[in-house]
C-alpha atoms as a PDB file:
ATOM      1  CA  MET A   1      18.704  74.385 -46.301  1.00  0.00           C
ATOM      2  CA  ASN A   2      19.106  76.258 -43.125  1.00  0.00           C
ATOM      3  CA  LYS A   3      21.127  75.161 -40.082  1.00  0.00           C
ATOM      4  CA  LYS A   4      18.018  74.099 -38.185  1.00  0.00           C
ATOM      5  CA  SER A   5      16.897  71.704 -40.953  1.00  0.00           C
ATOM      6  CA  ILE A   6      20.376  70.213 -41.196  1.00  0.00           C
ATOM      7  CA  LEU A   7      20.482  69.684 -37.439  1.00  0.00           C
ATOM      8  CA  ILE A   8      17.071  67.924 -37.498  1.00  0.00           C
ATOM      9  CA  VAL A   9      18.165  65.622 -40.377  1.00  0.00           C
ATOM     10  CA  VAL A  10      21.411  64.749 -38.560  1.00  0.00           C
ATOM     11  CA  LEU A  11      19.518  64.035 -35.335  1.00  0.00           C
ATOM     12  CA  LEU A  12      17.030  61.801 -37.227  1.00  0.00           C
ATOM     13  CA  ILE A  13      19.907  59.885 -38.831  1.00  0.00           C
ATOM     14  CA  VAL A  14      21.621  59.407 -35.422  1.00  0.00           C
ATOM     15  CA  LEU A  15      18.303  58.326 -33.862  1.00  0.00           C
ATOM     16  CA  ALA A  16      17.631  55.850 -36.704  1.00  0.00           C
ATOM     17  CA  GLY A  17      21.150  54.416 -36.328  1.00  0.00           C
ATOM     18  CA  PHE A  18      20.723  54.078 -32.575  1.00  0.00           C
ATOM     19  CA  LEU A  19      17.352  52.292 -32.987  1.00  0.00           C
ATOM     20  CA  TYR A  20      18.826  49.943 -35.615  1.00  0.00           C
ATOM     21  CA  PHE A  21      21.782  48.955 -33.415  1.00  0.00           C
ATOM     22  CA  TYR A  22      19.578  48.614 -30.309  1.00  0.00           C
ATOM     23  CA  LYS A  23      17.155  46.307 -32.172  1.00  0.00           C
ATOM     24  CA  SER A  24      20.054  44.180 -33.514  1.00  0.00           C
ATOM     25  CA  TYR A  25      21.607  43.944 -30.030  1.00  0.00           C
ATOM     26  CA  LYS A  26      18.282  42.952 -28.441  1.00  0.00           C
ATOM     27  CA  GLU A  27      17.638  40.216 -31.072  1.00  0.00           C
ATOM     28  CA  LEU A  28      21.161  38.847 -30.603  1.00  0.00           C
ATOM     29  CA  ASN A  29      20.825  38.893 -26.811  1.00  0.00           C
ATOM     30  CA  ASP A  30      17.390  37.203 -26.949  1.00  0.00           C
ATOM     31  CA  ALA A  31      18.738  34.482 -29.251  1.00  0.00           C
ATOM     32  CA  ALA A  32      21.687  33.851 -26.920  1.00  0.00           C
ATOM     33  CA  SER A  33      19.440  33.502 -23.894  1.00  0.00           C
ATOM     34  CA  THR A  34      17.082  31.047 -25.568  1.00  0.00           C
ATOM     35  CA  LYS A  35      17.856  27.611 -24.157  1.00  0.00           C
ATOM     36  CA  ILE A  36      17.578  24.603 -26.372  1.00  0.00           C
ATOM     37  CA  THR A  37      16.188  21.779 -24.332  1.00  0.00           C
ATOM     38  CA  SER A  38      15.813  18.189 -25.303  1.00  0.00           C
ATOM     39  CA  PRO A  39      13.448  15.919 -23.490  1.00  0.00           C
ATOM     40  CA  ARG A  40      15.129  14.182 -20.559  1.00  0.00           C
ATOM     41  CA  PRO A  41      14.735  10.438 -20.405  1.00  0.00           C
ATOM     42  CA  LEU A  42      12.371   9.137 -17.785  1.00  0.00           C
ATOM     43  CA  ILE A  43      14.595   7.184 -15.390  1.00  0.00           C
ATOM     44  CA  SER A  44      13.362   5.150 -12.478  1.00  0.00           C
ATOM     45  CA  ARG A  45      15.456   3.109 -10.068  1.00  0.00           C
ATOM     46  CA  GLN A  46      13.738   0.391  -8.089  1.00  0.00           C
ATOM     47  CA  GLN A  47      15.558  -0.937  -5.027  1.00  0.00           C
ATOM     48  CA  VAL A  48      14.876  -4.672  -4.658  1.00  0.00           C
ATOM     49  CA  PRO A  49      14.498  -6.222  -1.190  1.00  0.00           C
ATOM     50  CA  THR A  50      17.168  -8.678  -0.063  1.00  0.00           C
ATOM     51  CA  GLY A  51      16.143 -12.232  -0.891  1.00  0.00           C
ATOM     52  CA  GLN A  52      14.436 -11.201  -4.136  1.00  0.00           C
ATOM     53  CA  LEU A  53      15.787 -10.666  -7.636  1.00  0.00           C
ATOM     54  CA  PRO A  54      15.109  -7.695  -9.890  1.00  0.00           C
ATOM     55  CA  ASP A  55      12.258  -8.285 -12.331  1.00  0.00           C
ATOM     56  CA  LYS A  56      13.290  -9.912 -15.634  1.00  0.00           C
ATOM     57  CA  PHE A  57      16.178 -11.712 -13.852  1.00  0.00           C
ATOM     58  CA  PRO A  58      16.172 -15.479 -14.422  1.00  0.00           C
ATOM     59  CA  ARG A  59      14.707 -16.939 -11.227  1.00  0.00           C
ATOM     60  CA  ASN A  60      17.155 -19.863 -11.234  1.00  0.00           C
ATOM     61  CA  ILE A  61      20.358 -17.813 -11.519  1.00  0.00           C
ATOM     62  CA  PRO A  62      22.791 -18.894  -8.780  1.00  0.00           C
ATOM     63  CA  ILE A  63      23.058 -16.514  -5.826  1.00  0.00           C
ATOM     64  CA  GLU A  64      25.281 -17.732  -3.015  1.00  0.00           C
ATOM     65  CA  LYS A  65      23.277 -18.612   0.113  1.00  0.00           C
ATOM     66  CA  GLY A  66      24.010 -16.313   3.040  1.00  0.00           C
ATOM     67  CA  ALA A  67      26.008 -13.914   0.876  1.00  0.00           C
ATOM     68  CA  LYS A  68      26.116 -10.240   1.844  1.00  0.00           C
ATOM     69  CA  ILE A  69      24.189  -8.356  -0.857  1.00  0.00           C
ATOM     70  CA  ALA A  70      25.966  -5.114  -1.804  1.00  0.00           C
ATOM     71  CA  GLU A  71      23.620  -3.976  -4.600  1.00  0.00           C
ATOM     72  CA  ASN A  72      20.171  -5.156  -5.676  1.00  0.00           C
ATOM     73  CA  TYR A  73      18.134  -2.891  -7.958  1.00  0.00           C
ATOM     74  CA  SER A  74      16.701  -2.346 -11.416  1.00  0.00           C
ATOM     75  CA  VAL A  75      16.717   0.756 -13.608  1.00  0.00           C
ATOM     76  CA  ASN A  76      14.264   1.655 -16.347  1.00  0.00           C
ATOM     77  CA  ALA A  77      15.190   4.524 -18.674  1.00  0.00           C
ATOM     78  CA  ASP A  78      12.921   5.359 -21.592  1.00  0.00           C
ATOM     79  CA  GLY A  79      11.878   1.732 -21.920  1.00  0.00           C
ATOM     80  CA  ARG A  80      15.393   0.342 -21.548  1.00  0.00           C
ATOM     81  CA  TYR A  81      16.066  -1.954 -18.600  1.00  0.00           C
ATOM     82  CA  GLN A  82      19.008  -3.071 -16.470  1.00  0.00           C
ATOM     83  CA  GLY A  83      18.889  -5.193 -13.348  1.00  0.00           C
ATOM     84  CA  THR A  84      21.870  -5.407 -11.014  1.00  0.00           C
ATOM     85  CA  VAL A  85      22.773  -7.822  -8.227  1.00  0.00           C
ATOM     86  CA  VAL A  86      26.197  -7.671  -6.554  1.00  0.00           C
ATOM     87  CA  PHE A  87      27.129  -9.827  -3.602  1.00  0.00           C
ATOM     88  CA  GLU A  88      30.189 -10.745  -1.585  1.00  0.00           C
ATOM     89  CA  THR A  89      31.281 -14.337  -1.996  1.00  0.00           C
ATOM     90  CA  ALA A  90      33.283 -16.721   0.151  1.00  0.00           C
ATOM     91  CA  LYS A  91      34.131 -18.851  -2.904  1.00  0.00           C
ATOM     92  CA  SER A  92      37.160 -18.388  -5.119  1.00  0.00           C
ATOM     93  CA  ILE A  93      37.014 -16.720  -8.508  1.00  0.00           C
ATOM     94  CA  ASP A  94      37.613 -20.091 -10.216  1.00  0.00           C
ATOM     95  CA  VAL A  95      34.784 -21.824  -8.316  1.00  0.00           C
ATOM     96  CA  ASN A  96      32.382 -18.986  -9.171  1.00  0.00           C
ATOM     97  CA  VAL A  97      33.438 -19.035 -12.821  1.00  0.00           C
ATOM     98  CA  LYS A  98      32.608 -22.747 -13.003  1.00  0.00           C
ATOM     99  CA  ILE A  99      29.215 -22.188 -11.303  1.00  0.00           C
ATOM    100  CA  TYR A 100      28.218 -19.471 -13.781  1.00  0.00           C
ATOM    101  CA  LEU A 101      29.633 -21.115 -16.927  1.00  0.00           C
ATOM    102  CA  ASP A 102      27.752 -24.307 -15.974  1.00  0.00           C
ATOM    103  CA  TYR A 103      24.590 -22.257 -15.365  1.00  0.00           C
ATOM    104  CA  LEU A 104      24.883 -20.505 -18.745  1.00  0.00           C
ATOM    105  CA  ALA A 105      25.429 -23.776 -20.625  1.00  0.00           C
ATOM    106  CA  ALA A 106      22.587 -25.601 -18.828  1.00  0.00           C
ATOM    107  CA  ASN A 107      20.176 -22.729 -19.543  1.00  0.00           C
ATOM    108  CA  LYS A 108      21.138 -22.283 -23.207  1.00  0.00           C
ATOM    109  CA  TRP A 109      22.805 -18.891 -22.940  1.00  0.00           C
ATOM    110  CA  THR A 110      25.387 -18.026 -25.619  1.00  0.00           C
ATOM    111  CA  VAL A 111      28.683 -16.840 -24.144  1.00  0.00           C
ATOM    112  CA  THR A 112      29.852 -13.903 -26.274  1.00  0.00           C
ATOM    113  CA  SER A 113      32.973 -12.990 -24.298  1.00  0.00           C
ATOM    114  CA  ASP A 114      35.058 -14.393 -21.486  1.00  0.00           C
ATOM    115  CA  ILE A 115      37.856 -12.101 -20.357  1.00  0.00           C
ATOM    116  CA  LYS A 116      40.420 -13.252 -17.808  1.00  0.00           C
ATOM    117  CA  GLN A 117      42.353 -10.637 -15.875  1.00  0.00           C
ATOM    118  CA  GLU A 118      44.496 -10.751 -12.782  1.00  0.00           C
ATOM    119  CA  GLY A 119      42.030 -10.892  -9.907  1.00  0.00           C
ATOM    120  CA  ALA A 120      38.906 -10.764 -12.082  1.00  0.00           C
ATOM    121  CA  ARG A 121      36.859 -12.523 -14.730  1.00  0.00           C
ATOM    122  CA  ASP A 122      34.244 -10.928 -16.981  1.00  0.00           C
ATOM    123  CA  ILE A 123      31.774 -13.149 -18.784  1.00  0.00           C
ATOM    124  CA  THR A 124      29.085 -11.848 -21.131  1.00  0.00           C
ATOM    125  CA  ALA A 125      26.266 -13.979 -22.499  1.00  0.00           C
ATOM    126  CA  THR A 126      23.067 -13.456 -24.478  1.00  0.00           C
ATOM    127  CA  LYS A 127      19.771 -15.264 -24.656  1.00  0.00           C
ATOM    128  CA  GLY A 128      17.076 -13.831 -26.890  1.00  0.00           C
ATOM    129  CA  GLU A 129      16.770 -10.137 -26.043  1.00  0.00           C
ATOM    130  CA  LEU A 130      18.692 -10.496 -22.779  1.00  0.00           C
ATOM    131  CA  ASN A 131      22.345  -9.676 -22.202  1.00  0.00           C
ATOM    132  CA  LEU A 132      23.972 -10.889 -18.968  1.00  0.00           C
ATOM    133  CA  LYS A 133      27.343  -9.602 -17.799  1.00  0.00           C
ATOM    134  CA  ILE A 134      28.946 -11.480 -14.918  1.00  0.00           C
ATOM    135  CA  ARG A 135      31.900  -9.889 -13.150  1.00  0.00           C
ATOM    136  CA  ILE A 136      33.709 -12.007 -10.575  1.00  0.00           C
ATOM    137  CA  ALA A 137      36.537 -10.147  -8.869  1.00  0.00           C
ATOM    138  CA  GLU A 138      38.708  -9.890  -5.792  1.00  0.00           C
ATOM    139  CA  ASN A 139      39.684  -6.502  -4.400  1.00  0.00           C
ATOM    140  CA  SER A 140      43.477  -6.555  -4.146  1.00  0.00           C
ATOM    141  CA  ILE A 141      43.477  -4.288  -1.083  1.00  0.00           C
ATOM    142  CA  THR A 142      40.608  -5.678   1.015  1.00  0.00           C
ATOM    143  CA  ASN A 143      40.669  -9.206  -0.473  1.00  0.00           C
ATOM    144  CA  VAL A 144      36.843  -9.068  -0.626  1.00  0.00           C
ATOM    145  CA  LYS A 145      35.544 -11.199  -3.476  1.00  0.00           C
ATOM    146  CA  THR A 146      32.348 -10.150  -5.272  1.00  0.00           C
ATOM    147  CA  VAL A 147      30.057 -11.458  -7.960  1.00  0.00           C
ATOM    148  CA  GLY A 148      28.256  -8.839 -10.014  1.00  0.00           C
ATOM    149  CA  LEU A 149      25.334  -9.819 -12.234  1.00  0.00           C
ATOM    150  CA  TYR A 150      24.116  -7.167 -14.714  1.00  0.00           C
ATOM    151  CA  LEU A 151      21.112  -8.053 -16.862  1.00  0.00           C
ATOM    152  CA  THR A 152      20.163  -5.778 -19.766  1.00  0.00           C
ATOM    153  CA  LEU A 153      17.128  -6.001 -22.017  1.00  0.00           C
ATOM    154  CA  LEU A 154      18.541  -5.348 -25.480  1.00  0.00           C
ATOM    155  CA  SER A 155      15.400  -4.165 -27.240  1.00  0.00           C
ATOM    156  CA  LYS A 156      13.378  -1.132 -26.282  1.00  0.00           C
END
Protein backbone atom coordinates (compact mmCIF):
# COMPACT_ATOMS: atom_id res chain seq x y z
CA MET A 1 0.00 0.00 0.00
CA ASN A 2 1.26 3.40 -0.78
CA LYS A 3 1.31 6.40 1.57
CA LYS A 4 -1.73 7.96 -0.08
CA SER A 5 -3.90 4.86 0.50
CA ILE A 6 -2.78 4.65 4.12
CA LEU A 7 -3.61 8.31 4.66
CA ILE A 8 -7.11 7.83 3.16
CA VAL A 9 -7.79 4.76 5.37
CA VAL A 10 -6.62 6.65 8.49
CA LEU A 11 -8.80 9.64 7.59
CA LEU A 12 -11.83 7.35 7.04
CA ILE A 13 -11.24 5.70 10.43
CA VAL A 14 -10.96 9.12 12.16
CA LEU A 15 -14.10 10.33 10.35
CA ALA A 16 -16.04 7.17 11.32
CA GLY A 17 -14.94 7.58 14.95
CA PHE A 18 -15.96 11.23 14.96
CA LEU A 19 -19.41 10.40 13.50
CA TYR A 20 -19.91 7.60 16.05
CA PHE A 21 -19.07 9.83 19.02
CA TYR A 22 -21.14 12.74 17.65
CA LYS A 23 -24.19 10.46 17.20
CA SER A 24 -23.78 9.05 20.74
CA TYR A 25 -23.44 12.56 22.20
CA LYS A 26 -26.52 13.82 20.33
CA GLU A 27 -28.66 10.84 21.49
CA LEU A 28 -27.52 11.34 25.09
CA ASN A 29 -28.20 15.09 24.93
CA ASP A 30 -31.65 14.54 23.36
CA ALA A 31 -32.55 12.00 26.06
CA ALA A 32 -31.47 14.41 28.80
CA SER A 33 -33.56 17.23 27.40
CA THR A 34 -36.71 15.13 27.10
CA LYS A 35 -39.01 16.15 29.93
CA ILE A 36 -41.18 13.58 31.57
CA THR A 37 -44.48 15.17 32.37
CA SER A 38 -47.32 13.74 34.34
CA PRO A 39 -50.79 15.12 34.03
CA ARG A 40 -51.43 17.91 36.53
CA PRO A 41 -54.54 17.58 38.62
CA LEU A 42 -57.38 19.87 37.72
CA ILE A 43 -57.77 22.14 40.75
CA SER A 44 -60.48 24.70 41.20
CA ARG A 45 -61.02 26.97 44.19
CA GLN A 46 -64.44 28.49 44.67
CA GLN A 47 -64.70 31.47 47.02
CA VAL A 48 -68.02 31.34 48.89
CA PRO A 49 -69.90 34.56 49.70
CA THR A 50 -70.21 35.54 53.36
CA GLY A 51 -73.46 34.22 54.81
CA GLN A 52 -73.33 31.03 52.74
CA LEU A 53 -71.60 27.71 53.32
CA PRO A 54 -69.47 25.80 50.83
CA ASP A 55 -71.41 23.14 48.93
CA LYS A 56 -71.56 19.73 50.66
CA PHE A 57 -71.32 21.45 54.09
CA PRO A 58 -74.11 20.42 56.47
CA ARG A 59 -76.58 23.32 56.38
CA ASN A 60 -77.24 23.10 60.13
CA ILE A 61 -73.60 23.26 61.27
CA PRO A 62 -73.24 25.99 63.92
CA ILE A 63 -71.65 29.22 62.70
CA GLU A 64 -71.54 31.99 65.28
CA LYS A 65 -73.89 34.86 64.40
CA GLY A 66 -72.07 38.09 63.59
CA ALA A 67 -68.69 36.36 63.53
CA LYS A 68 -65.96 37.77 61.30
CA ILE A 69 -65.39 35.21 58.52
CA ALA A 70 -61.67 34.78 57.79
CA GLU A 71 -61.93 32.01 55.17
CA ASN A 72 -64.88 30.59 53.24
CA TYR A 73 -64.16 28.48 50.15
CA SER A 74 -64.19 25.04 48.59
CA VAL A 75 -61.54 23.25 46.55
CA ASN A 76 -62.05 20.50 44.00
CA ALA A 77 -58.98 18.60 42.80
CA ASP A 78 -59.40 15.67 40.43
CA GLY A 79 -62.77 14.84 41.94
CA ARG A 80 -61.64 15.25 45.54
CA TYR A 81 -63.35 17.93 47.62
CA GLN A 82 -62.61 20.08 50.66
CA GLY A 83 -64.71 22.91 52.03
CA THR A 84 -63.28 25.37 54.53
CA VAL A 85 -64.91 27.89 56.86
CA VAL A 86 -62.84 29.77 59.45
CA PHE A 87 -64.28 32.49 61.64
CA GLU A 88 -63.29 34.56 64.64
CA THR A 89 -65.27 33.78 67.76
CA ALA A 90 -66.09 35.73 70.89
CA LYS A 91 -66.77 32.49 72.80
CA SER A 92 -64.19 30.54 74.77
CA ILE A 93 -62.57 27.38 73.48
CA ASP A 94 -64.52 25.31 76.04
CA VAL A 95 -67.89 26.81 75.03
CA ASN A 96 -67.15 26.16 71.34
CA VAL A 97 -66.03 22.61 72.07
CA LYS A 98 -69.36 21.92 73.79
CA ILE A 99 -71.32 23.47 70.88
CA TYR A 100 -69.56 21.29 68.30
CA LEU A 101 -69.49 18.05 70.34
CA ASP A 102 -73.24 18.50 70.96
CA TYR A 103 -73.78 19.16 67.24
CA LEU A 104 -71.81 16.04 66.24
CA ALA A 105 -73.70 13.81 68.68
CA ALA A 106 -77.13 15.20 67.72
CA ASN A 107 -76.39 14.70 64.01
CA LYS A 108 -74.95 11.18 64.35
CA TRP A 109 -71.35 11.96 63.47
CA THR A 110 -68.70 9.57 64.82
CA VAL A 111 -65.89 11.37 66.64
CA THR A 112 -62.63 9.69 65.60
CA SER A 113 -60.22 11.95 67.48
CA ASP A 114 -60.33 14.69 70.07
CA ILE A 115 -56.95 16.26 70.79
CA LYS A 116 -56.53 18.79 73.58
CA GLN A 117 -53.57 21.14 73.46
CA GLU A 118 -52.71 24.32 75.28
CA GLY A 119 -54.76 27.01 73.57
CA ALA A 120 -56.37 24.68 71.01
CA ARG A 121 -58.66 21.72 70.48
CA ASP A 122 -58.81 19.53 67.38
CA ILE A 123 -61.83 17.32 66.84
CA THR A 124 -62.24 14.99 63.86
CA ALA A 125 -65.47 13.21 63.01
CA THR A 126 -66.85 11.12 60.15
CA LYS A 127 -70.30 10.52 58.77
CA GLY A 128 -70.63 8.32 55.71
CA GLU A 129 -68.13 9.60 53.14
CA LEU A 130 -67.61 12.90 54.95
CA ASN A 131 -64.74 13.79 57.26
CA LEU A 132 -65.06 16.95 59.39
CA LYS A 133 -62.09 18.46 61.20
CA ILE A 134 -62.88 21.18 63.72
CA ARG A 135 -60.02 23.31 65.03
CA ILE A 136 -60.82 25.71 67.86
CA ALA A 137 -57.83 27.80 68.90
CA GLU A 138 -56.66 31.01 70.51
CA ASN A 139 -53.65 32.86 69.14
CA SER A 140 -51.31 33.33 72.10
CA ILE A 141 -50.00 36.64 70.75
CA THR A 142 -53.16 38.38 69.50
CA ASN A 143 -55.60 36.48 71.75
CA VAL A 144 -57.91 36.11 68.72
CA LYS A 145 -59.98 32.95 68.99
CA THR A 146 -60.98 31.11 65.80
CA VAL A 147 -63.07 28.15 64.79
CA GLY A 148 -61.96 26.32 61.66
CA LEU A 149 -64.27 23.83 59.97
CA TYR A 150 -62.70 21.62 57.26
CA LEU A 151 -65.00 19.21 55.45
CA THR A 152 -63.49 16.55 53.17
CA LEU A 153 -65.29 14.11 50.91
CA LEU A 154 -63.44 10.85 51.46
CA SER A 155 -64.31 9.06 48.24
CA LYS A 156 -63.42 10.26 44.78
